[in-house]
N, C-alpha and C. Protein backbone atom coordinates (compact mmCIF):
# COMPACT_ATOMS: atom_id res chain seq x y z
N MET A 1 236.26 59.45 -84.75
CA MET A 1 237.68 59.67 -85.12
C MET A 1 237.78 60.32 -86.50
N LEU A 2 238.73 61.21 -86.54
CA LEU A 2 238.98 61.77 -87.83
C LEU A 2 239.69 60.83 -88.90
N SER A 3 239.33 61.00 -90.12
CA SER A 3 239.94 60.17 -91.18
C SER A 3 240.34 61.08 -92.28
N ILE A 4 241.35 60.68 -92.95
CA ILE A 4 241.84 61.44 -94.21
C ILE A 4 241.59 60.56 -95.28
N SER A 5 240.84 61.01 -96.36
CA SER A 5 240.58 60.30 -97.46
C SER A 5 240.89 60.99 -98.73
N SER A 6 241.36 60.41 -99.68
CA SER A 6 241.78 61.09 -100.99
C SER A 6 241.20 60.30 -102.21
N PRO A 7 239.95 60.23 -102.41
CA PRO A 7 239.46 59.57 -103.63
C PRO A 7 239.92 60.21 -104.93
N SER A 8 240.38 59.36 -105.91
CA SER A 8 240.93 59.86 -107.18
C SER A 8 240.07 59.19 -108.26
N VAL A 9 239.99 60.00 -109.38
CA VAL A 9 239.39 59.57 -110.47
C VAL A 9 240.21 58.59 -111.22
N VAL A 10 239.55 57.52 -111.87
CA VAL A 10 240.29 56.55 -112.59
C VAL A 10 241.19 57.25 -113.61
N GLN A 11 242.39 56.56 -113.76
CA GLN A 11 243.44 57.09 -114.67
C GLN A 11 243.74 58.64 -114.51
N TRP A 12 243.49 59.15 -113.25
CA TRP A 12 243.74 60.54 -112.90
C TRP A 12 243.18 61.48 -113.92
N ASN A 13 241.96 61.08 -114.47
CA ASN A 13 241.27 62.00 -115.43
C ASN A 13 241.01 63.34 -114.81
N ASP A 14 241.22 64.34 -115.47
CA ASP A 14 241.02 65.74 -114.80
C ASP A 14 239.61 66.24 -115.05
N VAL A 15 238.69 65.56 -114.52
CA VAL A 15 237.30 65.85 -114.64
C VAL A 15 236.94 67.19 -113.91
N PHE A 16 237.55 67.37 -112.73
CA PHE A 16 237.08 68.57 -111.90
C PHE A 16 237.75 69.82 -112.42
N SER A 17 238.40 69.78 -113.48
CA SER A 17 238.84 71.04 -114.17
C SER A 17 237.62 71.89 -114.67
N ARG A 18 236.57 71.18 -114.76
CA ARG A 18 235.35 71.81 -115.14
C ARG A 18 234.41 72.00 -113.95
N ARG A 19 234.01 73.27 -113.75
CA ARG A 19 233.20 73.67 -112.60
C ARG A 19 231.96 72.83 -112.40
N GLU A 20 231.21 72.55 -113.48
CA GLU A 20 229.99 71.91 -113.33
C GLU A 20 230.11 70.46 -112.74
N TYR A 21 231.20 69.81 -112.88
CA TYR A 21 231.42 68.48 -112.31
C TYR A 21 231.95 68.57 -110.84
N ALA A 22 232.70 69.57 -110.64
CA ALA A 22 233.17 69.86 -109.14
C ALA A 22 231.94 70.24 -108.40
N ASP A 23 231.01 71.02 -109.00
CA ASP A 23 229.81 71.39 -108.18
C ASP A 23 228.94 70.19 -107.79
N ILE A 24 228.96 69.25 -108.63
CA ILE A 24 228.19 67.99 -108.34
C ILE A 24 228.79 67.34 -107.00
N LEU A 25 230.08 67.30 -106.90
CA LEU A 25 230.81 66.76 -105.74
C LEU A 25 230.54 67.62 -104.53
N VAL A 26 230.64 68.97 -104.70
CA VAL A 26 230.34 69.85 -103.63
C VAL A 26 228.88 69.65 -103.09
N GLU A 27 227.89 69.58 -103.93
CA GLU A 27 226.52 69.37 -103.53
C GLU A 27 226.35 68.07 -102.86
N SER A 28 227.02 67.06 -103.31
CA SER A 28 226.93 65.68 -102.68
C SER A 28 227.49 65.69 -101.34
N LEU A 29 228.62 66.40 -101.15
CA LEU A 29 229.23 66.49 -99.81
C LEU A 29 228.25 67.16 -98.84
N LYS A 30 227.60 68.24 -99.28
CA LYS A 30 226.63 68.94 -98.50
C LYS A 30 225.47 68.10 -98.19
N HIS A 31 225.04 67.31 -99.04
CA HIS A 31 223.95 66.43 -98.85
C HIS A 31 224.24 65.35 -97.73
N CYS A 32 225.52 64.78 -97.85
CA CYS A 32 225.95 63.89 -96.86
C CYS A 32 226.17 64.47 -95.48
N GLN A 33 226.46 65.71 -95.42
CA GLN A 33 226.50 66.43 -94.15
C GLN A 33 225.07 66.55 -93.53
N LYS A 34 224.17 66.98 -94.37
CA LYS A 34 222.82 67.24 -93.91
C LYS A 34 222.04 65.96 -93.59
N GLU A 35 222.13 64.91 -94.40
CA GLU A 35 221.35 63.72 -94.37
C GLU A 35 222.05 62.44 -93.82
N LYS A 36 223.38 62.35 -93.77
CA LYS A 36 224.00 61.19 -93.50
C LYS A 36 225.00 61.25 -92.29
N GLY A 37 225.15 62.40 -91.71
CA GLY A 37 225.99 62.53 -90.59
C GLY A 37 227.48 62.75 -90.99
N LEU A 38 227.79 63.20 -92.13
CA LEU A 38 229.10 63.49 -92.48
C LEU A 38 229.60 64.73 -91.85
N LYS A 39 230.78 64.81 -91.25
CA LYS A 39 231.42 66.01 -90.70
C LYS A 39 232.65 66.31 -91.66
N VAL A 40 232.69 67.43 -92.27
CA VAL A 40 233.75 67.73 -93.11
C VAL A 40 234.58 68.77 -92.27
N HIS A 41 235.84 68.41 -91.97
CA HIS A 41 236.77 69.28 -91.36
C HIS A 41 237.69 70.11 -92.21
N ASP A 42 237.96 69.52 -93.36
CA ASP A 42 238.86 70.17 -94.24
C ASP A 42 238.66 69.44 -95.64
N TRP A 43 238.73 70.23 -96.72
CA TRP A 43 238.45 69.63 -98.06
C TRP A 43 239.19 70.39 -99.09
N CYS A 44 239.56 69.77 -100.29
CA CYS A 44 240.11 70.52 -101.37
C CYS A 44 239.91 69.52 -102.63
N ILE A 45 239.15 70.09 -103.60
CA ILE A 45 238.97 69.41 -104.87
C ILE A 45 239.97 69.84 -105.91
N MET A 46 240.78 68.95 -106.34
CA MET A 46 241.79 69.25 -107.34
C MET A 46 241.18 68.66 -108.70
N SER A 47 241.92 68.75 -109.76
CA SER A 47 241.42 68.41 -111.06
C SER A 47 241.07 67.00 -111.19
N ASN A 48 241.76 66.12 -110.50
CA ASN A 48 241.43 64.67 -110.66
C ASN A 48 241.30 63.87 -109.38
N ASN A 49 241.18 64.62 -108.24
CA ASN A 49 240.89 63.98 -106.93
C ASN A 49 240.37 64.94 -105.97
N VAL A 50 239.99 64.41 -104.74
CA VAL A 50 239.56 65.23 -103.68
C VAL A 50 240.24 64.75 -102.42
N HIS A 51 240.65 65.80 -101.70
CA HIS A 51 241.28 65.43 -100.32
C HIS A 51 240.32 65.86 -99.26
N LEU A 52 240.08 64.90 -98.32
CA LEU A 52 239.06 65.18 -97.30
C LEU A 52 239.67 64.84 -95.90
N ILE A 53 239.41 65.68 -95.00
CA ILE A 53 239.61 65.30 -93.55
C ILE A 53 238.12 65.31 -92.98
N ILE A 54 237.71 64.08 -92.59
CA ILE A 54 236.30 63.93 -92.30
C ILE A 54 236.07 62.91 -91.17
N SER A 55 234.80 63.03 -90.60
CA SER A 55 234.43 61.99 -89.60
C SER A 55 232.94 61.82 -89.75
N ALA A 56 232.27 60.97 -88.97
CA ALA A 56 230.89 60.75 -89.02
C ALA A 56 230.33 60.84 -87.70
N THR A 57 229.11 61.27 -87.59
CA THR A 57 228.37 61.29 -86.26
C THR A 57 227.82 59.84 -86.04
N GLU A 58 227.77 59.48 -84.76
CA GLU A 58 227.19 58.19 -84.47
C GLU A 58 225.71 58.21 -84.78
N PRO A 59 225.07 57.11 -85.22
CA PRO A 59 225.61 55.78 -85.47
C PRO A 59 226.16 55.56 -86.90
N ASN A 60 226.20 56.64 -87.61
CA ASN A 60 226.63 56.54 -89.04
C ASN A 60 228.14 56.05 -89.16
N LYS A 61 228.29 55.25 -90.17
CA LYS A 61 229.65 54.71 -90.51
C LYS A 61 230.33 55.50 -91.64
N LEU A 62 231.44 55.94 -91.40
CA LEU A 62 232.21 56.83 -92.47
C LEU A 62 232.31 56.08 -93.74
N SER A 63 232.62 54.73 -93.63
CA SER A 63 232.77 53.91 -94.89
C SER A 63 231.52 53.87 -95.72
N ASP A 64 230.38 53.78 -94.97
CA ASP A 64 229.06 53.75 -95.71
C ASP A 64 228.86 55.07 -96.40
N ILE A 65 229.13 56.13 -95.73
CA ILE A 65 228.92 57.51 -96.32
C ILE A 65 229.80 57.70 -97.48
N LEU A 66 231.11 57.34 -97.45
CA LEU A 66 231.97 57.45 -98.54
C LEU A 66 231.45 56.55 -99.77
N ARG A 67 231.06 55.36 -99.44
CA ARG A 67 230.55 54.42 -100.48
C ARG A 67 229.37 55.11 -101.20
N ASP A 68 228.41 55.72 -100.44
CA ASP A 68 227.31 56.23 -101.08
C ASP A 68 227.62 57.59 -101.85
N LEU A 69 228.52 58.27 -101.26
CA LEU A 69 229.01 59.49 -101.94
C LEU A 69 229.63 59.19 -103.30
N LYS A 70 230.52 58.18 -103.33
CA LYS A 70 231.23 57.90 -104.48
C LYS A 70 230.23 57.24 -105.60
N LYS A 71 229.31 56.45 -105.07
CA LYS A 71 228.28 55.94 -106.00
C LYS A 71 227.45 56.98 -106.66
N PHE A 72 226.99 57.90 -105.83
CA PHE A 72 226.08 58.97 -106.35
C PHE A 72 226.85 59.92 -107.30
N THR A 73 228.06 60.36 -106.89
CA THR A 73 228.79 61.29 -107.65
C THR A 73 229.23 60.64 -109.07
N SER A 74 229.62 59.40 -108.99
CA SER A 74 230.07 58.67 -110.19
C SER A 74 228.95 58.68 -111.16
N THR A 75 227.75 58.34 -110.73
CA THR A 75 226.58 58.10 -111.68
C THR A 75 226.21 59.58 -112.21
N ASN A 76 226.13 60.54 -111.32
CA ASN A 76 225.73 61.98 -111.77
C ASN A 76 226.78 62.60 -112.60
N ILE A 77 228.00 62.50 -112.29
CA ILE A 77 229.03 63.19 -113.07
C ILE A 77 229.18 62.53 -114.47
N ILE A 78 229.11 61.21 -114.55
CA ILE A 78 229.13 60.55 -115.86
C ILE A 78 227.85 60.96 -116.70
N LYS A 79 226.69 61.08 -115.99
CA LYS A 79 225.46 61.56 -116.74
C LYS A 79 225.70 62.95 -117.12
N ALA A 80 226.30 63.83 -116.38
CA ALA A 80 226.50 65.19 -116.76
C ALA A 80 227.44 65.35 -117.88
N ILE A 81 228.56 64.53 -117.90
CA ILE A 81 229.45 64.49 -119.08
C ILE A 81 228.80 64.04 -120.30
N SER A 82 227.98 63.01 -120.19
CA SER A 82 227.23 62.55 -121.34
C SER A 82 226.33 63.42 -121.99
N GLY A 83 225.71 64.27 -121.15
CA GLY A 83 224.73 65.27 -121.60
C GLY A 83 225.31 66.64 -121.90
N ASN A 84 226.55 66.81 -121.67
CA ASN A 84 227.12 68.10 -121.95
C ASN A 84 227.65 68.26 -123.41
N ALA A 85 226.83 68.96 -124.14
CA ALA A 85 227.12 69.23 -125.62
C ALA A 85 228.40 70.03 -125.80
N LYS A 86 228.85 70.74 -124.77
CA LYS A 86 230.04 71.60 -124.88
C LYS A 86 231.28 70.87 -124.46
N GLU A 87 231.14 69.61 -124.02
CA GLU A 87 232.33 68.86 -123.46
C GLU A 87 233.16 68.36 -124.52
N SER A 88 234.29 68.99 -124.76
CA SER A 88 235.07 68.66 -125.83
C SER A 88 235.90 67.23 -125.61
N ARG A 89 235.87 66.75 -124.37
CA ARG A 89 236.62 65.58 -124.03
C ARG A 89 235.62 64.39 -123.73
N LYS A 90 234.38 64.63 -124.07
CA LYS A 90 233.35 63.68 -123.82
C LYS A 90 233.68 62.23 -124.21
N SER A 91 233.91 62.06 -125.40
CA SER A 91 234.16 60.57 -125.90
C SER A 91 235.32 59.93 -125.23
N TRP A 92 236.36 60.71 -125.10
CA TRP A 92 237.65 60.23 -124.46
C TRP A 92 237.36 59.91 -122.97
N MET A 93 236.74 60.77 -122.25
CA MET A 93 236.50 60.51 -120.81
C MET A 93 235.45 59.39 -120.64
N LEU A 94 234.45 59.22 -121.41
CA LEU A 94 233.48 58.18 -121.22
C LEU A 94 234.19 56.82 -121.59
N TRP A 95 235.06 56.83 -122.49
CA TRP A 95 235.78 55.58 -122.98
C TRP A 95 236.60 55.22 -121.81
N ILE A 96 237.36 56.03 -121.14
CA ILE A 96 238.17 55.68 -119.98
C ILE A 96 237.30 55.06 -118.86
N PHE A 97 236.21 55.79 -118.63
CA PHE A 97 235.34 55.29 -117.50
C PHE A 97 234.67 53.91 -117.89
N LYS A 98 234.27 53.73 -119.09
CA LYS A 98 233.76 52.43 -119.57
C LYS A 98 234.85 51.33 -119.56
N ASP A 99 235.97 51.64 -119.97
CA ASP A 99 237.12 50.67 -120.01
C ASP A 99 237.39 50.25 -118.52
N ALA A 100 237.54 51.13 -117.74
CA ALA A 100 237.82 50.79 -116.29
C ALA A 100 236.73 49.95 -115.68
N GLY A 101 235.44 50.32 -116.04
CA GLY A 101 234.29 49.50 -115.57
C GLY A 101 234.26 48.18 -116.02
N GLU A 102 234.62 47.90 -117.32
CA GLU A 102 234.65 46.59 -117.84
C GLU A 102 235.76 45.71 -117.20
N LYS A 103 236.74 46.32 -116.67
CA LYS A 103 237.87 45.56 -116.08
C LYS A 103 237.62 45.34 -114.64
N ASN A 104 236.57 45.80 -114.08
CA ASN A 104 236.30 45.67 -112.66
C ASN A 104 234.96 44.91 -112.45
N ASN A 105 235.01 43.75 -111.91
CA ASN A 105 233.78 42.91 -111.80
C ASN A 105 232.87 43.52 -110.73
N ARG A 106 233.19 44.56 -110.00
CA ARG A 106 232.24 45.23 -109.02
C ARG A 106 231.45 46.21 -109.68
N ASN A 107 231.62 46.58 -110.98
CA ASN A 107 230.83 47.57 -111.61
C ASN A 107 229.97 46.94 -112.79
N LYS A 108 228.78 47.56 -113.01
CA LYS A 108 227.93 47.06 -114.10
C LYS A 108 228.43 47.74 -115.36
N ASP A 109 228.82 48.88 -115.36
CA ASP A 109 229.05 49.65 -116.58
C ASP A 109 230.26 50.49 -116.44
N HIS A 110 230.27 51.71 -115.93
CA HIS A 110 231.37 52.62 -115.86
C HIS A 110 232.01 52.58 -114.52
N GLN A 111 233.30 52.93 -114.46
CA GLN A 111 233.93 53.22 -113.17
C GLN A 111 234.49 54.64 -113.10
N PHE A 112 234.09 55.43 -112.27
CA PHE A 112 234.57 56.78 -112.22
C PHE A 112 235.71 56.98 -111.17
N TRP A 113 235.60 56.49 -109.96
CA TRP A 113 236.53 56.60 -108.85
C TRP A 113 237.41 55.35 -108.89
N GLN A 114 238.63 55.50 -108.45
CA GLN A 114 239.49 54.47 -108.28
C GLN A 114 238.99 53.71 -107.00
N GLN A 115 239.32 52.43 -106.91
CA GLN A 115 238.88 51.63 -105.81
C GLN A 115 239.27 52.15 -104.41
N ASP A 116 240.41 52.45 -104.22
CA ASP A 116 240.95 52.78 -102.96
C ASP A 116 240.85 54.25 -102.60
N ASN A 117 240.43 54.70 -101.42
CA ASN A 117 240.39 56.10 -100.94
C ASN A 117 241.68 56.47 -100.40
N HIS A 118 242.52 55.63 -100.03
CA HIS A 118 243.85 55.94 -99.33
C HIS A 118 243.46 56.50 -97.90
N PRO A 119 242.60 55.96 -97.20
CA PRO A 119 242.24 56.52 -95.86
C PRO A 119 243.32 56.39 -94.86
N ILE A 120 243.44 57.40 -94.01
CA ILE A 120 244.39 57.45 -92.94
C ILE A 120 243.68 57.87 -91.76
N GLU A 121 243.66 57.06 -90.62
CA GLU A 121 243.03 57.48 -89.43
C GLU A 121 243.90 58.39 -88.71
N CYS A 122 243.37 59.33 -88.14
CA CYS A 122 244.18 60.39 -87.38
C CYS A 122 244.09 60.08 -85.95
N ASP A 123 245.13 59.62 -85.49
CA ASP A 123 245.15 59.20 -83.92
C ASP A 123 246.01 60.20 -83.19
N THR A 124 246.54 61.19 -83.83
CA THR A 124 247.33 62.28 -83.13
C THR A 124 246.99 63.64 -83.71
N ASN A 125 247.27 64.63 -82.94
CA ASN A 125 246.92 65.97 -83.43
C ASN A 125 247.86 66.38 -84.57
N GLU A 126 249.05 65.77 -84.62
CA GLU A 126 249.99 66.19 -85.70
C GLU A 126 249.42 65.83 -87.09
N ILE A 127 248.88 64.69 -87.25
CA ILE A 127 248.42 64.26 -88.63
C ILE A 127 247.43 65.26 -89.20
N PRO A 128 246.36 65.64 -88.49
CA PRO A 128 245.43 66.60 -89.18
C PRO A 128 246.10 67.86 -89.43
N GLU A 129 246.95 68.43 -88.58
CA GLU A 129 247.58 69.76 -88.81
C GLU A 129 248.46 69.68 -90.05
N THR A 130 249.38 68.65 -90.13
CA THR A 130 250.23 68.59 -91.30
C THR A 130 249.42 68.31 -92.59
N ARG A 131 248.40 67.52 -92.47
CA ARG A 131 247.61 67.17 -93.70
C ARG A 131 246.77 68.44 -93.98
N LEU A 132 246.32 69.18 -93.05
CA LEU A 132 245.56 70.36 -93.40
C LEU A 132 246.55 71.42 -94.19
N ILE A 133 247.66 71.59 -93.79
CA ILE A 133 248.59 72.44 -94.46
C ILE A 133 248.87 71.89 -95.93
N TYR A 134 249.19 70.52 -95.96
CA TYR A 134 249.47 69.94 -97.27
C TYR A 134 248.27 70.16 -98.22
N LEU A 135 247.06 69.88 -97.62
CA LEU A 135 245.80 69.93 -98.47
C LEU A 135 245.61 71.28 -99.06
N HIS A 136 245.66 72.35 -98.21
CA HIS A 136 245.49 73.66 -98.62
C HIS A 136 246.62 74.15 -99.60
N GLN A 137 247.80 73.62 -99.52
CA GLN A 137 248.91 74.01 -100.35
C GLN A 137 248.77 73.45 -101.79
N ASN A 138 247.96 72.44 -101.90
CA ASN A 138 247.79 71.72 -103.22
C ASN A 138 247.49 72.74 -104.44
N PRO A 139 246.49 73.54 -104.32
CA PRO A 139 246.24 74.55 -105.41
C PRO A 139 247.34 75.53 -105.57
N VAL A 140 248.01 75.88 -104.52
CA VAL A 140 249.11 76.84 -104.61
C VAL A 140 250.28 76.18 -105.34
N ARG A 141 250.70 74.95 -104.95
CA ARG A 141 251.75 74.27 -105.65
C ARG A 141 251.44 73.98 -107.07
N ALA A 142 250.19 73.84 -107.44
CA ALA A 142 249.66 73.60 -108.76
C ALA A 142 249.73 74.87 -109.61
N GLY A 143 249.89 75.97 -108.97
CA GLY A 143 249.87 77.32 -109.68
C GLY A 143 248.50 77.82 -110.00
N LEU A 144 247.44 77.26 -109.26
CA LEU A 144 246.14 77.75 -109.62
C LEU A 144 245.78 79.06 -108.88
N VAL A 145 246.37 79.22 -107.77
CA VAL A 145 246.18 80.47 -106.97
C VAL A 145 247.54 80.79 -106.23
N ARG A 146 247.58 82.00 -105.77
CA ARG A 146 248.78 82.44 -105.09
C ARG A 146 248.64 82.12 -103.53
N TYR A 147 247.42 82.26 -102.98
CA TYR A 147 247.15 82.07 -101.58
C TYR A 147 246.10 81.01 -101.35
N GLU A 148 246.25 80.20 -100.31
CA GLU A 148 245.27 79.11 -99.99
C GLU A 148 243.91 79.62 -99.93
N GLN A 149 243.61 80.71 -99.37
CA GLN A 149 242.29 81.27 -99.23
C GLN A 149 241.58 81.61 -100.54
N ASP A 150 242.33 81.63 -101.63
CA ASP A 150 241.77 82.08 -102.87
C ASP A 150 241.19 81.01 -103.78
N TYR A 151 241.45 79.80 -103.36
CA TYR A 151 241.00 78.57 -104.15
C TYR A 151 239.53 78.36 -103.68
N VAL A 152 238.62 78.40 -104.60
CA VAL A 152 237.22 78.27 -104.33
C VAL A 152 236.83 76.86 -103.94
N TYR A 153 237.45 75.87 -104.46
CA TYR A 153 237.12 74.49 -104.16
C TYR A 153 237.94 73.88 -103.07
N SER A 154 237.99 74.63 -101.94
CA SER A 154 238.57 74.07 -100.78
C SER A 154 238.16 74.96 -99.55
N SER A 155 238.61 74.46 -98.43
CA SER A 155 238.20 75.11 -97.13
C SER A 155 239.23 76.14 -96.77
N GLY A 156 240.17 76.49 -97.67
CA GLY A 156 241.12 77.47 -97.42
C GLY A 156 240.60 78.78 -96.90
N ILE A 157 239.56 79.21 -97.51
CA ILE A 157 239.01 80.48 -97.06
C ILE A 157 238.58 80.51 -95.63
N ASP A 158 237.96 79.29 -95.18
CA ASP A 158 237.49 79.07 -93.80
C ASP A 158 238.69 79.09 -92.82
N TYR A 159 239.93 78.64 -93.24
CA TYR A 159 241.02 78.51 -92.29
C TYR A 159 241.97 79.73 -92.38
N TYR A 160 242.11 80.38 -93.56
CA TYR A 160 243.07 81.41 -93.69
C TYR A 160 242.50 82.81 -93.90
N ALA A 161 241.25 83.05 -93.95
CA ALA A 161 240.66 84.28 -94.07
C ALA A 161 239.30 84.35 -93.24
N GLU A 162 238.77 85.37 -93.24
CA GLU A 162 237.42 85.56 -92.44
C GLU A 162 236.29 85.30 -93.34
N GLY A 163 236.39 84.28 -94.20
CA GLY A 163 235.30 83.98 -95.14
C GLY A 163 234.65 82.62 -94.87
N ILE A 164 233.63 82.40 -95.60
CA ILE A 164 232.95 81.20 -95.53
C ILE A 164 233.00 80.54 -96.91
N GLY A 165 233.44 79.31 -96.93
CA GLY A 165 233.59 78.54 -98.17
C GLY A 165 232.30 77.84 -98.68
N LEU A 166 232.39 77.05 -99.67
CA LEU A 166 231.22 76.40 -100.29
C LEU A 166 230.60 75.31 -99.41
N ILE A 167 231.44 74.78 -98.45
CA ILE A 167 231.00 73.68 -97.64
C ILE A 167 231.13 74.03 -96.26
N GLU A 168 230.11 73.84 -95.38
CA GLU A 168 230.20 74.17 -93.91
C GLU A 168 231.32 73.25 -93.29
N ILE A 169 232.17 73.92 -92.47
CA ILE A 169 233.28 73.15 -91.95
C ILE A 169 233.07 72.90 -90.46
N ASP A 170 233.43 71.77 -89.93
CA ASP A 170 233.58 71.46 -88.50
C ASP A 170 235.03 71.51 -88.23
N PHE A 171 235.48 72.63 -87.61
CA PHE A 171 236.88 72.94 -87.53
C PHE A 171 237.56 71.84 -86.62
N VAL A 172 238.82 71.49 -87.02
CA VAL A 172 239.61 70.48 -86.32
C VAL A 172 240.06 71.11 -84.94
């Protein structure tokens, strides 16, 4: 069954405005496709969250894949921020993640992702289609691009042009 998930960074921190951090998320999604049975039908990384229409192959559980994805990306993005000498927002971002981690007894140290993914199960054909349009319109509405297919960190090119995006798509 298709599911829509929108993990967001704590305090809506705009981490993914830097390519190197968005690339970690892209590579993690690719890894989950190859090794964990994740099927990505549609995706878009914005500055502080990611929108996904996804499913999992049997016997894999989507909740387990998302848990592992969030754990891996949070650790590696925080490590990348810590080691980035050019990151002007380093102290501020790490403080936000540390503060959020200290307030959550489920974490040892930092918290990168908000607890809830806002998942929506897709039980009709209308939900994925309307969500797909909404998802690809995000970078257009934000003024980042003029057309859906021009945004690098989404599946827009796969759906609206004859191109291939950064992540292999299982079309809806």
